[in-house]
Amino acid sequence: MSKDEIITAVAVTTDKALLARVADVLSHREDTSPSKGERETRLITQAEAAKRLGVSTTTVWRLIKEGSLSVISVRGKQRVRLASLTQYALGEADHV
């Protein structure tokens, strides 16, 4: 993912906690990462994942299928792990 794509993904997010963490990182504040439990439990819909990445829902579906995004089933519906989305957006995901 290019720097422009990452900037776009951050720019379109509506997650205030994520934006606050980005601001903390840019300000070089210490210990800005969410707790492990928080990262593992935050889930979003595929449509929200597509909006945050600035791509189509079909692209999100392909990323899930290829293993680039991690999902969990909640009452028969797939939800994307926010940590997986963040890792992918930052170019850190090999196959989550």
PDB file of N, CA and C in Angstrom:
ATOM      1  N   MET A   1       0.849  -1.164   0.000  1.00  0.00           N
ATOM      2  CA  MET A   1       0.000   0.000   0.000  1.00  0.00           C
ATOM      3  C   MET A   1       0.903   1.239   0.000  1.00  0.00           C
ATOM      4  N   SER A   2       0.591   2.181  -0.857  1.00  0.00           N
ATOM      5  CA  SER A   2       1.425   3.376  -0.970  1.00  0.00           C
ATOM      6  C   SER A   2       1.135   4.350   0.171  1.00  0.00           C
ATOM      7  N   LYS A   3       2.021   5.306   0.349  1.00  0.00           N
ATOM      8  CA  LYS A   3       1.823   6.323   1.384  1.00  0.00           C
ATOM      9  C   LYS A   3       0.552   7.110   1.132  1.00  0.00           C
ATOM     10  N   ASP A   4       0.262   7.413  -0.139  1.00  0.00           N
ATOM     11  CA  ASP A   4      -0.960   8.146  -0.471  1.00  0.00           C
ATOM     12  C   ASP A   4      -2.199   7.351  -0.084  1.00  0.00           C
ATOM     13  N   GLU A   5      -2.173   6.044  -0.316  1.00  0.00           N
ATOM     14  CA  GLU A   5      -3.313   5.196   0.050  1.00  0.00           C
ATOM     15  C   GLU A   5      -3.485   5.136   1.565  1.00  0.00           C
ATOM     16  N   ILE A   6      -2.392   5.086   2.302  1.00  0.00           N
ATOM     17  CA  ILE A   6      -2.468   5.076   3.771  1.00  0.00           C
ATOM     18  C   ILE A   6      -3.038   6.396   4.269  1.00  0.00           C
ATOM     19  N   ILE A   7      -2.566   7.495   3.710  1.00  0.00           N
ATOM     20  CA  ILE A   7      -3.068   8.811   4.106  1.00  0.00           C
ATOM     21  C   ILE A   7      -4.566   8.907   3.815  1.00  0.00           C
ATOM     22  N   THR A   8      -4.984   8.413   2.663  1.00  0.00           N
ATOM     23  CA  THR A   8      -6.401   8.431   2.313  1.00  0.00           C
ATOM     24  C   THR A   8      -7.211   7.588   3.287  1.00  0.00           C
ATOM     25  N   ALA A   9      -6.704   6.397   3.641  1.00  0.00           N
ATOM     26  CA  ALA A   9      -7.412   5.520   4.573  1.00  0.00           C
ATOM     27  C   ALA A   9      -7.586   6.191   5.934  1.00  0.00           C
ATOM     28  N   VAL A  10      -6.551   6.866   6.402  1.00  0.00           N
ATOM     29  CA  VAL A  10      -6.638   7.569   7.688  1.00  0.00           C
ATOM     30  C   VAL A  10      -7.587   8.756   7.559  1.00  0.00           C
ATOM     31  N   ALA A  11      -7.547   9.440   6.425  1.00  0.00           N
ATOM     32  CA  ALA A  11      -8.371  10.632   6.237  1.00  0.00           C
ATOM     33  C   ALA A  11      -9.865  10.320   6.228  1.00  0.00           C
ATOM     34  N   VAL A  12     -10.252   9.152   5.746  1.00  0.00           N
ATOM     35  CA  VAL A  12     -11.682   8.844   5.647  1.00  0.00           C
ATOM     36  C   VAL A  12     -12.220   8.098   6.860  1.00  0.00           C
ATOM     37  N   THR A  13     -11.369   7.773   7.801  1.00  0.00           N
ATOM     38  CA  THR A  13     -11.845   7.032   8.969  1.00  0.00           C
ATOM     39  C   THR A  13     -12.731   7.899   9.851  1.00  0.00           C
ATOM     40  N   THR A  14     -13.686   7.239  10.485  1.00  0.00           N
ATOM     41  CA  THR A  14     -14.558   7.925  11.437  1.00  0.00           C
ATOM     42  C   THR A  14     -14.270   7.469  12.868  1.00  0.00           C
ATOM     43  N   ASP A  15     -13.260   6.635  13.027  1.00  0.00           N
ATOM     44  CA  ASP A  15     -12.904   6.091  14.343  1.00  0.00           C
ATOM     45  C   ASP A  15     -12.061   7.122  15.094  1.00  0.00           C
ATOM     46  N   LYS A  16     -12.691   7.780  16.075  1.00  0.00           N
ATOM     47  CA  LYS A  16     -12.007   8.852  16.818  1.00  0.00           C
ATOM     48  C   LYS A  16     -10.817   8.325  17.606  1.00  0.00           C
ATOM     49  N   ALA A  17     -10.910   7.096  18.126  1.00  0.00           N
ATOM     50  CA  ALA A  17      -9.791   6.521  18.871  1.00  0.00           C
ATOM     51  C   ALA A  17      -8.595   6.306  17.948  1.00  0.00           C
ATOM     52  N   LEU A  18      -8.853   5.833  16.744  1.00  0.00           N
ATOM     53  CA  LEU A  18      -7.771   5.631  15.774  1.00  0.00           C
ATOM     54  C   LEU A  18      -7.125   6.959  15.410  1.00  0.00           C
ATOM     55  N   LEU A  19      -7.946   7.978  15.182  1.00  0.00           N
ATOM     56  CA  LEU A  19      -7.401   9.297  14.848  1.00  0.00           C
ATOM     57  C   LEU A  19      -6.575   9.863  16.002  1.00  0.00           C
ATOM     58  N   ALA A  20      -7.018   9.626  17.240  1.00  0.00           N
ATOM     59  CA  ALA A  20      -6.262  10.092  18.404  1.00  0.00           C
ATOM     60  C   ALA A  20      -4.913   9.387  18.481  1.00  0.00           C
ATOM     61  N   ARG A  21      -4.893   8.079  18.188  1.00  0.00           N
ATOM     62  CA  ARG A  21      -3.619   7.340  18.208  1.00  0.00           C
ATOM     63  C   ARG A  21      -2.684   7.836  17.117  1.00  0.00           C
ATOM     64  N   VAL A  22      -3.240   8.132  15.928  1.00  0.00           N
ATOM     65  CA  VAL A  22      -2.418   8.673  14.839  1.00  0.00           C
ATOM     66  C   VAL A  22      -1.810  10.003  15.268  1.00  0.00           C
ATOM     67  N   ALA A  23      -2.614  10.856  15.894  1.00  0.00           N
ATOM     68  CA  ALA A  23      -2.107  12.150  16.378  1.00  0.00           C
ATOM     69  C   ALA A  23      -1.014  11.949  17.412  1.00  0.00           C
ATOM     70  N   ASP A  24      -1.191  10.968  18.305  1.00  0.00           N
ATOM     71  CA  ASP A  24      -0.171  10.684  19.317  1.00  0.00           C
ATOM     72  C   ASP A  24       1.130  10.222  18.669  1.00  0.00           C
ATOM     73  N   VAL A  25       1.016   9.357  17.686  1.00  0.00           N
ATOM     74  CA  VAL A  25       2.216   8.866  17.002  1.00  0.00           C
ATOM     75  C   VAL A  25       2.931  10.012  16.295  1.00  0.00           C
ATOM     76  N   LEU A  26       2.165  10.854  15.622  1.00  0.00           N
ATOM     77  CA  LEU A  26       2.773  11.984  14.913  1.00  0.00           C
ATOM     78  C   LEU A  26       3.401  12.984  15.878  1.00  0.00           C
ATOM     79  N   SER A  27       2.906  13.028  17.114  1.00  0.00           N
ATOM     80  CA  SER A  27       3.459  13.922  18.136  1.00  0.00           C
ATOM     81  C   SER A  27       4.566  13.257  18.943  1.00  0.00           C
ATOM     82  N   HIS A  28       4.906  12.019  18.580  1.00  0.00           N
ATOM     83  CA  HIS A  28       5.955  11.245  19.242  1.00  0.00           C
ATOM     84  C   HIS A  28       5.659  10.988  20.712  1.00  0.00           C
ATOM     85  N   ARG A  29       4.386  10.782  21.040  1.00  0.00           N
ATOM     86  CA  ARG A  29       4.015  10.458  22.415  1.00  0.00           C
ATOM     87  C   ARG A  29       4.254   8.982  22.664  1.00  0.00           C
ATOM     88  N   GLU A  30       4.599   8.631  23.877  1.00  0.00           N
ATOM     89  CA  GLU A  30       4.902   7.253  24.254  1.00  0.00           C
ATOM     90  C   GLU A  30       3.633   6.427  24.454  1.00  0.00           C
ATOM     91  N   ASP A  31       3.775   5.107  24.306  1.00  0.00           N
ATOM     92  CA  ASP A  31       2.738   4.126  24.616  1.00  0.00           C
ATOM     93  C   ASP A  31       1.377   4.495  24.034  1.00  0.00           C
ATOM     94  N   THR A  32       1.319   4.673  22.721  1.00  0.00           N
ATOM     95  CA  THR A  32       0.077   5.059  22.068  1.00  0.00           C
ATOM     96  C   THR A  32      -0.690   3.869  21.510  1.00  0.00           C
ATOM     97  N   SER A  33      -0.107   2.692  21.550  1.00  0.00           N
ATOM     98  CA  SER A  33      -0.781   1.537  20.973  1.00  0.00           C
ATOM     99  C   SER A  33      -1.874   1.019  21.897  1.00  0.00           C
ATOM    100  N   PRO A  34      -2.985   0.534  21.306  1.00  0.00           N
ATOM    101  CA  PRO A  34      -4.039  -0.020  22.140  1.00  0.00           C
ATOM    102  C   PRO A  34      -3.570  -1.309  22.790  1.00  0.00           C
ATOM    103  N   SER A  35      -4.238  -1.695  23.857  1.00  0.00           N
ATOM    104  CA  SER A  35      -3.873  -2.944  24.532  1.00  0.00           C
ATOM    105  C   SER A  35      -4.125  -4.117  23.599  1.00  0.00           C
ATOM    106  N   LYS A  36      -3.447  -5.228  23.863  1.00  0.00           N
ATOM    107  CA  LYS A  36      -3.589  -6.411  23.023  1.00  0.00           C
ATOM    108  C   LYS A  36      -5.043  -6.864  22.965  1.00  0.00           C
ATOM    109  N   GLY A  37      -5.714  -6.856  24.103  1.00  0.00           N
ATOM    110  CA  GLY A  37      -7.114  -7.263  24.150  1.00  0.00           C
ATOM    111  C   GLY A  37      -7.998  -6.374  23.306  1.00  0.00           C
ATOM    112  N   GLU A  38      -7.739  -5.061  23.343  1.00  0.00           N
ATOM    113  CA  GLU A  38      -8.516  -4.113  22.549  1.00  0.00           C
ATOM    114  C   GLU A  38      -8.295  -4.349  21.064  1.00  0.00           C
ATOM    115  N   ARG A  39      -7.041  -4.565  20.651  1.00  0.00           N
ATOM    116  CA  ARG A  39      -6.744  -4.803  19.239  1.00  0.00           C
ATOM    117  C   ARG A  39      -7.421  -6.052  18.735  1.00  0.00           C
ATOM    118  N   GLU A  40      -7.460  -7.094  19.559  1.00  0.00           N
ATOM    119  CA  GLU A  40      -7.992  -8.373  19.113  1.00  0.00           C
ATOM    120  C   GLU A  40      -9.513  -8.405  19.091  1.00  0.00           C
ATOM    121  N   THR A  41     -10.185  -7.547  19.848  1.00  0.00           N
ATOM    122  CA  THR A  41     -11.628  -7.636  19.957  1.00  0.00           C
ATOM    123  C   THR A  41     -12.386  -6.622  19.125  1.00  0.00           C
ATOM    124  N   ARG A  42     -11.747  -5.588  18.629  1.00  0.00           N
ATOM    125  CA  ARG A  42     -12.467  -4.583  17.848  1.00  0.00           C
ATOM    126  C   ARG A  42     -12.751  -5.128  16.459  1.00  0.00           C
ATOM    127  N   LEU A  43     -14.027  -5.138  16.100  1.00  0.00           N
ATOM    128  CA  LEU A  43     -14.467  -5.697  14.832  1.00  0.00           C
ATOM    129  C   LEU A  43     -15.262  -4.653  14.058  1.00  0.00           C
ATOM    130  N   ILE A  44     -15.144  -4.699  12.730  1.00  0.00           N
ATOM    131  CA  ILE A  44     -15.918  -3.802  11.876  1.00  0.00           C
ATOM    132  C   ILE A  44     -16.490  -4.602  10.716  1.00  0.00           C
ATOM    133  N   THR A  45     -17.509  -4.060  10.081  1.00  0.00           N
ATOM    134  CA  THR A  45     -18.111  -4.726   8.928  1.00  0.00           C
ATOM    135  C   THR A  45     -17.185  -4.611   7.715  1.00  0.00           C
ATOM    136  N   GLN A  46     -17.460  -5.442   6.721  1.00  0.00           N
ATOM    137  CA  GLN A  46     -16.673  -5.371   5.495  1.00  0.00           C
ATOM    138  C   GLN A  46     -16.888  -4.027   4.799  1.00  0.00           C
ATOM    139  N   ALA A  47     -18.099  -3.495   4.890  1.00  0.00           N
ATOM    140  CA  ALA A  47     -18.370  -2.188   4.276  1.00  0.00           C
ATOM    141  C   ALA A  47     -17.556  -1.090   4.959  1.00  0.00           C
ATOM    142  N   GLU A  48     -17.461  -1.146   6.300  1.00  0.00           N
ATOM    143  CA  GLU A  48     -16.664  -0.151   7.027  1.00  0.00           C
ATOM    144  C   GLU A  48     -15.178  -0.328   6.698  1.00  0.00           C
ATOM    145  N   ALA A  49     -14.732  -1.565   6.577  1.00  0.00           N
ATOM    146  CA  ALA A  49     -13.331  -1.820   6.209  1.00  0.00           C
ATOM    147  C   ALA A  49     -13.038  -1.233   4.831  1.00  0.00           C
ATOM    148  N   ALA A  50     -13.962  -1.410   3.899  1.00  0.00           N
ATOM    149  CA  ALA A  50     -13.787  -0.866   2.550  1.00  0.00           C
ATOM    150  C   ALA A  50     -13.721   0.654   2.592  1.00  0.00           C
ATOM    151  N   LYS A  51     -14.587   1.262   3.384  1.00  0.00           N
ATOM    152  CA  LYS A  51     -14.603   2.723   3.504  1.00  0.00           C
ATOM    153  C   LYS A  51     -13.291   3.236   4.086  1.00  0.00           C
ATOM    154  N   ARG A  52     -12.793   2.555   5.120  1.00  0.00           N
ATOM    155  CA  ARG A  52     -11.548   2.994   5.759  1.00  0.00           C
ATOM    156  C   ARG A  52     -10.346   2.845   4.838  1.00  0.00           C
ATOM    157  N   LEU A  53     -10.350   1.817   3.997  1.00  0.00           N
ATOM    158  CA  LEU A  53      -9.236   1.609   3.071  1.00  0.00           C
ATOM    159  C   LEU A  53      -9.397   2.403   1.777  1.00  0.00           C
ATOM    160  N   GLY A  54     -10.619   2.886   1.527  1.00  0.00           N
ATOM    161  CA  GLY A  54     -10.870   3.617   0.283  1.00  0.00           C
ATOM    162  C   GLY A  54     -10.946   2.694  -0.917  1.00  0.00           C
ATOM    163  N   VAL A  55     -11.468   1.481  -0.695  1.00  0.00           N
ATOM    164  CA  VAL A  55     -11.602   0.494  -1.764  1.00  0.00           C
ATOM    165  C   VAL A  55     -13.040  -0.015  -1.783  1.00  0.00           C
ATOM    166  N   SER A  56     -13.361  -0.872  -2.750  1.00  0.00           N
ATOM    167  CA  SER A  56     -14.702  -1.435  -2.837  1.00  0.00           C
ATOM    168  C   SER A  56     -14.859  -2.611  -1.869  1.00  0.00           C
ATOM    169  N   THR A  57     -16.096  -2.980  -1.595  1.00  0.00           N
ATOM    170  CA  THR A  57     -16.341  -4.144  -0.737  1.00  0.00           C
ATOM    171  C   THR A  57     -15.861  -5.421  -1.410  1.00  0.00           C
ATOM    172  N   THR A  58     -15.860  -5.436  -2.740  1.00  0.00           N
ATOM    173  CA  THR A  58     -15.337  -6.593  -3.470  1.00  0.00           C
ATOM    174  C   THR A  58     -13.840  -6.755  -3.204  1.00  0.00           C
ATOM    175  N   THR A  59     -13.127  -5.650  -3.159  1.00  0.00           N
ATOM    176  CA  THR A  59     -11.693  -5.707  -2.857  1.00  0.00           C
ATOM    177  C   THR A  59     -11.470  -6.230  -1.445  1.00  0.00           C
ATOM    178  N   VAL A  60     -12.274  -5.786  -0.492  1.00  0.00           N
ATOM    179  CA  VAL A  60     -12.161  -6.291   0.886  1.00  0.00           C
ATOM    180  C   VAL A  60     -12.421  -7.790   0.901  1.00  0.00           C
ATOM    181  N   TRP A  61     -13.430  -8.234   0.178  1.00  0.00           N
ATOM    182  CA  TRP A  61     -13.735  -9.671   0.096  1.00  0.00           C
ATOM    183  C   TRP A  61     -12.522 -10.434  -0.454  1.00  0.00           C
ATOM    184  N   ARG A  62     -11.881  -9.905  -1.482  1.00  0.00           N
ATOM    185  CA  ARG A  62     -10.695 -10.563  -2.047  1.00  0.00           C
ATOM    186  C   ARG A  62      -9.547 -10.602  -1.023  1.00  0.00           C
ATOM    187  N   LEU A  63      -9.355  -9.507  -0.283  1.00  0.00           N
ATOM    188  CA  LEU A  63      -8.301  -9.466   0.737  1.00  0.00           C
ATOM    189  C   LEU A  63      -8.560 -10.510   1.823  1.00  0.00           C
ATOM    190  N   ILE A  64      -9.820 -10.700   2.172  1.00  0.00           N
ATOM    191  CA  ILE A  64     -10.181 -11.722   3.162  1.00  0.00           C
ATOM    192  C   ILE A  64      -9.894 -13.100   2.589  1.00  0.00           C
ATOM    193  N   LYS A  65     -10.312 -13.315   1.359  1.00  0.00           N
ATOM    194  CA  LYS A  65     -10.125 -14.617   0.713  1.00  0.00           C
ATOM    195  C   LYS A  65      -8.649 -14.989   0.593  1.00  0.00           C
ATOM    196  N   GLU A  66      -7.795 -14.001   0.281  1.00  0.00           N
ATOM    197  CA  GLU A  66      -6.365 -14.296   0.127  1.00  0.00           C
ATOM    198  C   GLU A  66      -5.629 -14.353   1.467  1.00  0.00           C
ATOM    199  N   GLY A  67      -6.329 -13.982   2.554  1.00  0.00           N
ATOM    200  CA  GLY A  67      -5.729 -14.068   3.880  1.00  0.00           C
ATOM    201  C   GLY A  67      -5.033 -12.805   4.353  1.00  0.00           C
ATOM    202  N   SER A  68      -5.185 -11.716   3.626  1.00  0.00           N
ATOM    203  CA  SER A  68      -4.554 -10.462   4.028  1.00  0.00           C
ATOM    204  C   SER A  68      -5.297  -9.760   5.158  1.00  0.00           C
ATOM    205  N   LEU A  69      -6.600 -10.042   5.276  1.00  0.00           N
ATOM    206  CA  LEU A  69      -7.403  -9.501   6.365  1.00  0.00           C
ATOM    207  C   LEU A  69      -7.994 -10.656   7.160  1.00  0.00           C
ATOM    208  N   SER A  70      -7.952 -10.526   8.469  1.00  0.00           N
ATOM    209  CA  SER A  70      -8.468 -11.553   9.360  1.00  0.00           C
ATOM    210  C   SER A  70      -9.912 -11.232   9.731  1.00  0.00           C
ATOM    211  N   VAL A  71     -10.770 -12.246   9.685  1.00  0.00           N
ATOM    212  CA  VAL A  71     -12.175 -12.054  10.026  1.00  0.00           C
ATOM    213  C   VAL A  71     -12.601 -13.028  11.112  1.00  0.00           C
ATOM    214  N   ILE A  72     -13.718 -12.696  11.727  1.00  0.00           N
ATOM    215  CA  ILE A  72     -14.329 -13.565  12.719  1.00  0.00           C
ATOM    216  C   ILE A  72     -15.822 -13.588  12.412  1.00  0.00           C
ATOM    217  N   SER A  73     -16.461 -14.712  12.627  1.00  0.00           N
ATOM    218  CA  SER A  73     -17.887 -14.837  12.371  1.00  0.00           C
ATOM    219  C   SER A  73     -18.675 -14.470  13.627  1.00  0.00           C
ATOM    220  N   VAL A  74     -19.602 -13.541  13.478  1.00  0.00           N
ATOM    221  CA  VAL A  74     -20.465 -13.123  14.571  1.00  0.00           C
ATOM    222  C   VAL A  74     -21.905 -13.335  14.115  1.00  0.00           C
ATOM    223  N   ARG A  75     -22.556 -14.327  14.712  1.00  0.00           N
ATOM    224  CA  ARG A  75     -23.943 -14.660  14.342  1.00  0.00           C
ATOM    225  C   ARG A  75     -24.095 -14.862  12.841  1.00  0.00           C
ATOM    226  N   GLY A  76     -23.143 -15.546  12.246  1.00  0.00           N
ATOM    227  CA  GLY A  76     -23.207 -15.868  10.829  1.00  0.00           C
ATOM    228  C   GLY A  76     -22.717 -14.775   9.894  1.00  0.00           C
ATOM    229  N   LYS A  77     -22.327 -13.646  10.435  1.00  0.00           N
ATOM    230  CA  LYS A  77     -21.821 -12.538   9.616  1.00  0.00           C
ATOM    231  C   LYS A  77     -20.325 -12.388   9.848  1.00  0.00           C
ATOM    232  N   GLN A  78     -19.580 -12.150   8.785  1.00  0.00           N
ATOM    233  CA  GLN A  78     -18.141 -11.961   8.926  1.00  0.00           C
ATOM    234  C   GLN A  78     -17.839 -10.525   9.325  1.00  0.00           C
ATOM    235  N   ARG A  79     -16.966 -10.387  10.317  1.00  0.00           N
ATOM    236  CA  ARG A  79     -16.502  -9.072  10.761  1.00  0.00           C
ATOM    237  C   ARG A  79     -14.986  -9.049  10.637  1.00  0.00           C
ATOM    238  N   VAL A  80     -14.462  -7.934  10.187  1.00  0.00           N
ATOM    239  CA  VAL A  80     -13.016  -7.767  10.004  1.00  0.00           C
ATOM    240  C   VAL A  80     -12.403  -7.311  11.320  1.00  0.00           C
ATOM    241  N   ARG A  81     -11.303  -7.946  11.701  1.00  0.00           N
ATOM    242  CA  ARG A  81     -10.578  -7.515  12.893  1.00  0.00           C
ATOM    243  C   ARG A  81      -9.883  -6.191  12.574  1.00  0.00           C
ATOM    244  N   LEU A  82     -10.117  -5.197  13.415  1.00  0.00           N
ATOM    245  CA  LEU A  82      -9.538  -3.873  13.196  1.00  0.00           C
ATOM    246  C   LEU A  82      -8.013  -3.934  13.198  1.00  0.00           C
ATOM    247  N   ALA A  83      -7.446  -4.780  14.049  1.00  0.00           N
ATOM    248  CA  ALA A  83      -5.984  -4.922  14.087  1.00  0.00           C
ATOM    249  C   ALA A  83      -5.462  -5.420  12.742  1.00  0.00           C
ATOM    250  N   SER A  84      -6.191  -6.337  12.122  1.00  0.00           N
ATOM    251  CA  SER A  84      -5.799  -6.867  10.830  1.00  0.00           C
ATOM    252  C   SER A  84      -5.851  -5.773   9.762  1.00  0.00           C
ATOM    253  N   LEU A  85      -6.895  -4.957   9.807  1.00  0.00           N
ATOM    254  CA  LEU A  85      -7.039  -3.858   8.857  1.00  0.00           C
ATOM    255  C   LEU A  85      -5.908  -2.847   9.015  1.00  0.00           C
ATOM    256  N   THR A  86      -5.588  -2.520  10.259  1.00  0.00           N
ATOM    257  CA  THR A  86      -4.514  -1.569  10.537  1.00  0.00           C
ATOM    258  C   THR A  86      -3.172  -2.104  10.044  1.00  0.00           C
ATOM    259  N   GLN A  87      -2.906  -3.389  10.329  1.00  0.00           N
ATOM    260  CA  GLN A  87      -1.654  -3.993   9.862  1.00  0.00           C
ATOM    261  C   GLN A  87      -1.576  -3.964   8.344  1.00  0.00           C
ATOM    262  N   TYR A  88      -2.672  -4.284   7.681  1.00  0.00           N
ATOM    263  CA  TYR A  88      -2.682  -4.271   6.224  1.00  0.00           C
ATOM    264  C   TYR A  88      -2.433  -2.853   5.696  1.00  0.00           C
ATOM    265  N   ALA A  89      -3.122  -1.879   6.281  1.00  0.00           N
ATOM    266  CA  ALA A  89      -2.990  -0.490   5.829  1.00  0.00           C
ATOM    267  C   ALA A  89      -1.573   0.034   6.012  1.00  0.00           C
ATOM    268  N   LEU A  90      -0.893  -0.440   7.040  1.00  0.00           N
ATOM    269  CA  LEU A  90       0.477  -0.001   7.290  1.00  0.00           C
ATOM    270  C   LEU A  90       1.504  -0.847   6.555  1.00  0.00           C
ATOM    271  N   GLY A  91       1.022  -1.839   5.800  1.00  0.00           N
ATOM    272  CA  GLY A  91       1.915  -2.691   5.040  1.00  0.00           C
ATOM    273  C   GLY A  91       2.636  -3.722   5.862  1.00  0.00           C
ATOM    274  N   GLU A  92       2.108  -4.033   7.054  1.00  0.00           N
ATOM    275  CA  GLU A  92       2.762  -4.969   7.960  1.00  0.00           C
ATOM    276  C   GLU A  92       2.201  -6.384   7.861  1.00  0.00           C
ATOM    277  N   ALA A  93       1.090  -6.569   7.174  1.00  0.00           N
ATOM    278  CA  ALA A  93       0.442  -7.886   7.146  1.00  0.00           C
ATOM    279  C   ALA A  93       1.051  -8.758   6.056  1.00  0.00           C
ATOM    280  N   ASP A  94       1.500  -9.932   6.449  1.00  0.00           N
ATOM    281  CA  ASP A  94       1.938 -10.922   5.463  1.00  0.00           C
ATOM    282  C   ASP A  94       0.734 -11.768   5.072  1.00  0.00           C
ATOM    283  N   HIS A  95       0.200 -12.437   6.018  1.00  0.00           N
ATOM    284  CA  HIS A  95      -1.065 -13.163   5.915  1.00  0.00           C
ATOM    285  C   HIS A  95      -1.511 -13.383   7.319  1.00  0.00           C
ATOM    286  N   VAL A  96      -2.378 -12.509   7.796  1.00  0.00           N
ATOM    287  CA  VAL A  96      -2.809 -12.490   9.190  1.00  0.00           C
ATOM    288  C   VAL A  96      -3.674 -13.672   9.502  1.00  0.00           C
TER     289      VAL A  96
END
